Amino acid sequence: MIKTIFISERYFTKEELDSFRINHGYDIKEISYSSSEGEIDFNIPDQKEFLLKYGTPKILARFGY
């Protein structure tokens, strides 16, 4: 079953959250994605760095979001 998942702030420091808001104009917790596999693990450096740099998780970037 595919679920809509909102990104949790628990993976990020206050500084990362503030920087993200300034750089991208919205909060991390506003981003959602659909998955049948569950929540993305943003403890994985590659996933976290991509999100902070581009403002979207890799899974959404693959589909042109």
Protein backbone atom coordinates (compact mmCIF):
# COMPACT_ATOMS: atom_id res chain seq x y z
CA MET A 1 0.00 0.00 0.00
CA ILE A 2 1.31 3.46 -0.89
CA LYS A 3 1.25 6.02 1.92
CA THR A 4 1.86 9.76 1.96
CA ILE A 5 4.69 10.57 4.35
CA PHE A 6 5.70 14.00 5.62
CA ILE A 7 9.38 14.49 6.44
CA SER A 8 10.06 14.61 10.15
CA GLU A 9 12.29 17.29 11.65
CA ARG A 10 13.88 14.72 13.97
CA TYR A 11 16.67 13.97 11.49
CA PHE A 12 17.89 17.57 11.36
CA THR A 13 19.55 20.09 13.65
CA LYS A 14 17.96 23.47 14.36
CA GLU A 15 20.68 25.09 12.24
CA GLU A 16 19.92 22.78 9.30
CA LEU A 17 16.20 23.51 9.58
CA ASP A 18 16.78 27.27 9.72
CA SER A 19 19.20 27.15 6.80
CA PHE A 20 16.77 25.04 4.76
CA ARG A 21 13.95 27.54 5.38
CA ILE A 22 16.16 30.46 4.31
CA ASN A 23 17.53 28.69 1.20
CA HIS A 24 14.32 27.12 -0.08
CA GLY A 25 11.51 29.28 1.31
CA TYR A 26 9.58 26.55 3.13
CA ASP A 27 9.99 24.15 6.04
CA ILE A 28 11.25 20.58 5.74
CA LYS A 29 8.09 19.32 7.49
CA GLU A 30 6.00 20.72 4.62
CA ILE A 31 7.51 18.22 2.15
CA SER A 32 5.61 15.01 1.54
CA TYR A 33 6.25 12.02 -0.68
CA SER A 34 4.45 8.77 -1.41
CA SER A 35 6.06 5.45 -0.63
CA SER A 36 5.15 1.81 -0.18
CA GLU A 37 8.55 1.18 1.46
CA GLY A 38 8.17 3.58 4.40
CA GLU A 39 9.99 6.68 5.50
CA ILE A 40 13.30 7.78 3.97
CA ASP A 41 16.17 7.51 6.45
CA PHE A 42 17.76 10.94 6.52
CA ASN A 43 20.51 9.59 8.78
CA ILE A 44 21.99 8.35 5.50
CA PRO A 45 24.35 11.21 4.57
CA ASP A 46 23.65 10.99 0.84
CA GLN A 47 19.88 11.37 1.34
CA LYS A 48 20.26 14.20 3.84
CA GLU A 49 22.81 16.16 1.77
CA PHE A 50 20.63 15.92 -1.35
CA LEU A 51 17.57 17.21 0.48
CA LEU A 52 19.44 20.12 2.07
CA LYS A 53 21.05 21.10 -1.24
CA TYR A 54 18.10 20.75 -3.63
CA GLY A 55 15.09 21.19 -1.34
CA THR A 56 13.50 17.90 -2.32
CA PRO A 57 14.19 14.25 -1.50
CA LYS A 58 15.93 12.14 -4.15
CA ILE A 59 12.78 10.09 -4.66
CA LEU A 60 10.87 13.19 -5.81
CA ALA A 61 13.77 14.50 -7.91
CA ARG A 62 13.62 11.30 -9.96
CA PHE A 63 10.11 12.24 -11.06
CA GLY A 64 10.87 15.86 -11.88
CA TYR A 65 9.42 17.53 -8.76
